[in-house]
Amino acid sequence: PHHPHFTEVLEALGNIAFSKEQYWEALQLDMRLCNILMAVNPKSSDVATVWHNIGICYHALSQLNEAEYALLQALEIGTAVYPAGDDRISTTERVLHLVWQQKFGQ
């Protein structure tokens, strides 16, 4: 069991690492956070957000297959928990399209 604020601290540290362009560190923190959150509720909006962040990290690291997988996870959960047209869905879709453009050269 983790302290209730542990996930908030992990999220904050991941955001700080990402803002400092420390993408590998941010990815490790986000992966740890995702594992904890998925154990509680694998289909929550928090999990969708973390999958999005993981996808962004992978994209920044030019790991396009991993970025695609994470962003698709974020979309699958996000479309189930957010209302249609929610900005969080369209933001994830935009990043996913960037990944596809880089992957497939379109």
N, C-alpha and C. Protein backbone atom coordinates (compact mmCIF):
# COMPACT_ATOMS: atom_id res chain seq x y z
N PRO A 1 0.83 -1.20 0.00
CA PRO A 1 0.00 0.00 0.00
C PRO A 1 0.87 1.26 0.00
N HIS A 2 0.42 2.23 -0.75
CA HIS A 2 1.15 3.49 -0.86
C HIS A 2 0.39 4.57 -0.11
N HIS A 3 1.13 5.58 0.33
CA HIS A 3 0.52 6.75 0.94
C HIS A 3 -0.44 7.36 -0.10
N PRO A 4 -1.57 7.89 0.34
CA PRO A 4 -2.57 8.42 -0.60
C PRO A 4 -2.00 9.49 -1.55
N HIS A 5 -1.03 10.23 -1.10
CA HIS A 5 -0.48 11.30 -1.95
C HIS A 5 0.67 10.82 -2.82
N PHE A 6 1.04 9.55 -2.71
CA PHE A 6 2.16 9.02 -3.47
C PHE A 6 1.95 9.18 -4.97
N THR A 7 0.73 8.90 -5.44
CA THR A 7 0.46 9.02 -6.87
C THR A 7 0.55 10.49 -7.33
N GLU A 8 0.12 11.41 -6.48
CA GLU A 8 0.22 12.83 -6.82
C GLU A 8 1.68 13.26 -6.93
N VAL A 9 2.51 12.74 -6.04
CA VAL A 9 3.94 13.06 -6.06
C VAL A 9 4.58 12.48 -7.33
N LEU A 10 4.25 11.22 -7.66
CA LEU A 10 4.78 10.63 -8.88
C LEU A 10 4.37 11.44 -10.11
N GLU A 11 3.11 11.84 -10.15
CA GLU A 11 2.63 12.64 -11.28
C GLU A 11 3.39 13.96 -11.38
N ALA A 12 3.55 14.64 -10.26
CA ALA A 12 4.26 15.92 -10.25
C ALA A 12 5.71 15.76 -10.67
N LEU A 13 6.38 14.73 -10.16
CA LEU A 13 7.78 14.49 -10.54
C LEU A 13 7.90 14.16 -12.02
N GLY A 14 6.95 13.39 -12.55
CA GLY A 14 6.94 13.08 -13.98
C GLY A 14 6.78 14.34 -14.82
N ASN A 15 5.87 15.22 -14.40
CA ASN A 15 5.66 16.48 -15.12
C ASN A 15 6.89 17.37 -15.08
N ILE A 16 7.54 17.40 -13.94
CA ILE A 16 8.77 18.21 -13.81
C ILE A 16 9.86 17.65 -14.72
N ALA A 17 10.05 16.33 -14.67
CA ALA A 17 11.08 15.71 -15.51
C ALA A 17 10.79 16.00 -16.99
N PHE A 18 9.52 15.87 -17.40
CA PHE A 18 9.17 16.14 -18.80
C PHE A 18 9.46 17.59 -19.16
N SER A 19 9.10 18.52 -18.28
CA SER A 19 9.31 19.94 -18.56
C SER A 19 10.80 20.28 -18.68
N LYS A 20 11.65 19.46 -18.06
CA LYS A 20 13.10 19.64 -18.16
C LYS A 20 13.70 18.82 -19.30
N GLU A 21 12.81 18.25 -20.14
CA GLU A 21 13.21 17.41 -21.28
C GLU A 21 13.97 16.16 -20.83
N GLN A 22 13.68 15.70 -19.63
CA GLN A 22 14.24 14.44 -19.11
C GLN A 22 13.19 13.36 -19.37
N TYR A 23 13.06 13.02 -20.65
CA TYR A 23 11.95 12.17 -21.09
C TYR A 23 12.04 10.75 -20.55
N TRP A 24 13.23 10.20 -20.47
CA TRP A 24 13.38 8.84 -19.96
C TRP A 24 12.95 8.78 -18.49
N GLU A 25 13.37 9.77 -17.71
CA GLU A 25 12.99 9.82 -16.30
C GLU A 25 11.49 10.01 -16.15
N ALA A 26 10.92 10.90 -16.96
CA ALA A 26 9.47 11.12 -16.92
C ALA A 26 8.73 9.84 -17.27
N LEU A 27 9.24 9.12 -18.27
CA LEU A 27 8.60 7.87 -18.68
C LEU A 27 8.61 6.85 -17.54
N GLN A 28 9.73 6.72 -16.86
CA GLN A 28 9.82 5.76 -15.76
C GLN A 28 8.84 6.10 -14.64
N LEU A 29 8.73 7.37 -14.32
CA LEU A 29 7.79 7.80 -13.28
C LEU A 29 6.35 7.56 -13.71
N ASP A 30 6.04 7.89 -14.98
CA ASP A 30 4.68 7.69 -15.48
C ASP A 30 4.32 6.21 -15.55
N MET A 31 5.28 5.36 -15.92
CA MET A 31 5.00 3.92 -15.97
C MET A 31 4.70 3.39 -14.56
N ARG A 32 5.45 3.85 -13.59
CA ARG A 32 5.20 3.42 -12.20
C ARG A 32 3.82 3.89 -11.75
N LEU A 33 3.50 5.13 -12.07
CA LEU A 33 2.19 5.69 -11.72
C LEU A 33 1.08 4.90 -12.41
N CYS A 34 1.26 4.57 -13.67
CA CYS A 34 0.25 3.82 -14.41
C CYS A 34 0.00 2.46 -13.77
N ASN A 35 1.05 1.78 -13.39
CA ASN A 35 0.89 0.47 -12.74
C ASN A 35 0.08 0.56 -11.46
N ILE A 36 0.34 1.59 -10.68
CA ILE A 36 -0.39 1.78 -9.41
C ILE A 36 -1.86 2.09 -9.70
N LEU A 37 -2.10 3.02 -10.61
CA LEU A 37 -3.48 3.43 -10.91
C LEU A 37 -4.27 2.30 -11.55
N MET A 38 -3.64 1.51 -12.41
CA MET A 38 -4.34 0.41 -13.06
C MET A 38 -4.74 -0.67 -12.06
N ALA A 39 -3.96 -0.81 -11.00
CA ALA A 39 -4.30 -1.79 -9.97
C ALA A 39 -5.57 -1.38 -9.22
N VAL A 40 -5.82 -0.08 -9.17
CA VAL A 40 -7.00 0.43 -8.47
C VAL A 40 -8.22 0.44 -9.40
N ASN A 41 -8.07 1.02 -10.59
CA ASN A 41 -9.18 1.11 -11.56
C ASN A 41 -8.58 1.27 -12.95
N PRO A 42 -8.46 0.17 -13.71
CA PRO A 42 -7.78 0.22 -15.00
C PRO A 42 -8.48 1.05 -16.07
N LYS A 43 -9.72 1.42 -15.86
CA LYS A 43 -10.47 2.18 -16.87
C LYS A 43 -10.86 3.57 -16.37
N SER A 44 -10.00 4.17 -15.56
CA SER A 44 -10.31 5.49 -15.00
C SER A 44 -9.74 6.61 -15.89
N SER A 45 -10.26 7.80 -15.70
CA SER A 45 -9.73 8.95 -16.43
C SER A 45 -8.27 9.21 -16.07
N ASP A 46 -7.89 8.92 -14.82
CA ASP A 46 -6.49 9.08 -14.42
C ASP A 46 -5.58 8.17 -15.23
N VAL A 47 -6.03 6.94 -15.47
CA VAL A 47 -5.23 6.00 -16.26
C VAL A 47 -5.14 6.49 -17.71
N ALA A 48 -6.23 7.01 -18.25
CA ALA A 48 -6.21 7.57 -19.61
C ALA A 48 -5.18 8.69 -19.71
N THR A 49 -5.15 9.56 -18.71
CA THR A 49 -4.20 10.67 -18.70
C THR A 49 -2.76 10.17 -18.65
N VAL A 50 -2.51 9.18 -17.80
CA VAL A 50 -1.14 8.68 -17.68
C VAL A 50 -0.70 7.97 -18.97
N TRP A 51 -1.61 7.19 -19.59
CA TRP A 51 -1.27 6.57 -20.88
C TRP A 51 -0.92 7.65 -21.90
N HIS A 52 -1.67 8.75 -21.90
CA HIS A 52 -1.37 9.88 -22.80
C HIS A 52 0.04 10.40 -22.53
N ASN A 53 0.35 10.62 -21.26
CA ASN A 53 1.67 11.13 -20.90
C ASN A 53 2.78 10.16 -21.29
N ILE A 54 2.52 8.87 -21.11
CA ILE A 54 3.50 7.84 -21.52
C ILE A 54 3.71 7.93 -23.03
N GLY A 55 2.62 8.08 -23.77
CA GLY A 55 2.74 8.21 -25.22
C GLY A 55 3.55 9.42 -25.64
N ILE A 56 3.34 10.53 -24.94
CA ILE A 56 4.11 11.75 -25.22
C ILE A 56 5.60 11.53 -24.95
N CYS A 57 5.90 10.85 -23.85
CA CYS A 57 7.30 10.57 -23.53
C CYS A 57 7.94 9.69 -24.60
N TYR A 58 7.25 8.62 -24.98
CA TYR A 58 7.78 7.75 -26.02
C TYR A 58 7.98 8.51 -27.33
N HIS A 59 7.03 9.38 -27.65
CA HIS A 59 7.14 10.18 -28.87
C HIS A 59 8.39 11.07 -28.79
N ALA A 60 8.59 11.70 -27.65
CA ALA A 60 9.76 12.57 -27.47
C ALA A 60 11.06 11.77 -27.58
N LEU A 61 11.01 10.49 -27.23
CA LEU A 61 12.18 9.61 -27.31
C LEU A 61 12.28 8.92 -28.68
N SER A 62 11.38 9.29 -29.61
CA SER A 62 11.33 8.71 -30.97
C SER A 62 11.09 7.21 -30.96
N GLN A 63 10.41 6.72 -29.94
CA GLN A 63 10.01 5.31 -29.89
C GLN A 63 8.55 5.25 -30.34
N LEU A 64 8.38 5.24 -31.66
CA LEU A 64 7.06 5.48 -32.25
C LEU A 64 6.09 4.33 -32.03
N ASN A 65 6.54 3.08 -32.08
CA ASN A 65 5.62 1.96 -31.83
C ASN A 65 5.08 2.00 -30.42
N GLU A 66 5.95 2.29 -29.46
CA GLU A 66 5.52 2.38 -28.07
C GLU A 66 4.60 3.58 -27.86
N ALA A 67 4.93 4.69 -28.53
CA ALA A 67 4.08 5.89 -28.43
C ALA A 67 2.69 5.58 -28.97
N GLU A 68 2.64 4.91 -30.11
CA GLU A 68 1.35 4.56 -30.72
C GLU A 68 0.54 3.69 -29.77
N TYR A 69 1.15 2.67 -29.21
CA TYR A 69 0.45 1.77 -28.29
C TYR A 69 -0.12 2.55 -27.10
N ALA A 70 0.71 3.37 -26.47
CA ALA A 70 0.27 4.11 -25.29
C ALA A 70 -0.87 5.08 -25.63
N LEU A 71 -0.76 5.77 -26.76
CA LEU A 71 -1.79 6.72 -27.15
C LEU A 71 -3.10 6.01 -27.50
N LEU A 72 -3.01 4.84 -28.12
CA LEU A 72 -4.22 4.06 -28.39
C LEU A 72 -4.88 3.60 -27.09
N GLN A 73 -4.07 3.24 -26.09
CA GLN A 73 -4.63 2.90 -24.78
C GLN A 73 -5.35 4.11 -24.19
N ALA A 74 -4.71 5.28 -24.28
CA ALA A 74 -5.33 6.51 -23.76
C ALA A 74 -6.65 6.80 -24.46
N LEU A 75 -6.67 6.61 -25.78
CA LEU A 75 -7.91 6.86 -26.53
C LEU A 75 -9.01 5.87 -26.19
N GLU A 76 -8.64 4.60 -26.07
CA GLU A 76 -9.64 3.58 -25.75
C GLU A 76 -10.32 3.89 -24.42
N ILE A 77 -9.52 4.21 -23.41
CA ILE A 77 -10.08 4.53 -22.09
C ILE A 77 -10.77 5.90 -22.12
N GLY A 78 -10.10 6.86 -22.76
CA GLY A 78 -10.63 8.22 -22.79
C GLY A 78 -11.99 8.32 -23.45
N THR A 79 -12.19 7.60 -24.56
CA THR A 79 -13.49 7.67 -25.23
C THR A 79 -14.59 7.02 -24.39
N ALA A 80 -14.20 6.16 -23.46
CA ALA A 80 -15.18 5.52 -22.58
C ALA A 80 -15.52 6.39 -21.37
N VAL A 81 -14.58 7.23 -20.92
CA VAL A 81 -14.81 7.98 -19.68
C VAL A 81 -15.06 9.48 -19.89
N TYR A 82 -14.63 10.04 -21.03
CA TYR A 82 -14.85 11.47 -21.28
C TYR A 82 -16.04 11.65 -22.21
N PRO A 83 -16.73 12.79 -22.11
CA PRO A 83 -17.83 13.04 -23.05
C PRO A 83 -17.29 13.25 -24.47
N ALA A 84 -18.12 12.96 -25.45
CA ALA A 84 -17.73 13.15 -26.85
C ALA A 84 -17.28 14.59 -27.07
N GLY A 85 -16.21 14.77 -27.82
CA GLY A 85 -15.71 16.11 -28.12
C GLY A 85 -14.81 16.69 -27.05
N ASP A 86 -14.52 15.93 -26.00
CA ASP A 86 -13.67 16.42 -24.92
C ASP A 86 -12.27 16.74 -25.46
N ASP A 87 -11.70 17.84 -25.00
CA ASP A 87 -10.37 18.26 -25.46
C ASP A 87 -9.30 17.21 -25.21
N ARG A 88 -9.44 16.43 -24.14
CA ARG A 88 -8.42 15.42 -23.83
C ARG A 88 -8.38 14.35 -24.92
N ILE A 89 -9.53 14.04 -25.50
CA ILE A 89 -9.57 13.05 -26.58
C ILE A 89 -8.92 13.64 -27.83
N SER A 90 -9.31 14.87 -28.20
CA SER A 90 -8.76 15.46 -29.42
C SER A 90 -7.26 15.72 -29.30
N THR A 91 -6.78 16.04 -28.11
CA THR A 91 -5.34 16.24 -27.91
C THR A 91 -4.59 14.93 -28.14
N THR A 92 -5.10 13.84 -27.58
CA THR A 92 -4.47 12.54 -27.79
C THR A 92 -4.51 12.16 -29.26
N GLU A 93 -5.64 12.43 -29.93
CA GLU A 93 -5.75 12.13 -31.36
C GLU A 93 -4.71 12.90 -32.18
N ARG A 94 -4.49 14.17 -31.83
CA ARG A 94 -3.50 14.98 -32.56
C ARG A 94 -2.10 14.40 -32.41
N VAL A 95 -1.74 13.99 -31.19
CA VAL A 95 -0.41 13.42 -30.99
C VAL A 95 -0.30 12.09 -31.74
N LEU A 96 -1.35 11.29 -31.70
CA LEU A 96 -1.34 10.01 -32.41
C LEU A 96 -1.16 10.23 -33.91
N HIS A 97 -1.80 11.24 -34.47
CA HIS A 97 -1.62 11.53 -35.89
C HIS A 97 -0.18 11.94 -36.19
N LEU A 98 0.44 12.70 -35.30
CA LEU A 98 1.86 13.04 -35.47
C LEU A 98 2.73 11.78 -35.49
N VAL A 99 2.44 10.87 -34.58
CA VAL A 99 3.18 9.60 -34.53
C VAL A 99 3.01 8.86 -35.85
N TRP A 100 1.78 8.76 -36.34
CA TRP A 100 1.51 8.05 -37.59
C TRP A 100 2.21 8.73 -38.76
N GLN A 101 2.23 10.06 -38.78
CA GLN A 101 2.93 10.77 -39.86
C GLN A 101 4.41 10.42 -39.85
N GLN A 102 5.00 10.35 -38.66
CA GLN A 102 6.41 10.02 -38.58
C GLN A 102 6.66 8.54 -38.90
N LYS A 103 5.75 7.68 -38.45
CA LYS A 103 5.89 6.25 -38.70
C LYS A 103 5.75 5.90 -40.17
N PHE A 104 4.75 6.49 -40.80
CA PHE A 104 4.39 6.08 -42.15
C PHE A 104 4.76 7.11 -43.21
N GLY A 105 5.36 8.23 -42.76
CA GLY A 105 5.85 9.22 -43.70
C GLY A 105 4.77 9.92 -44.52
N GLN A 106 3.63 10.15 -43.92
CA GLN A 106 2.54 10.80 -44.64
C GLN A 106 2.33 12.20 -44.12
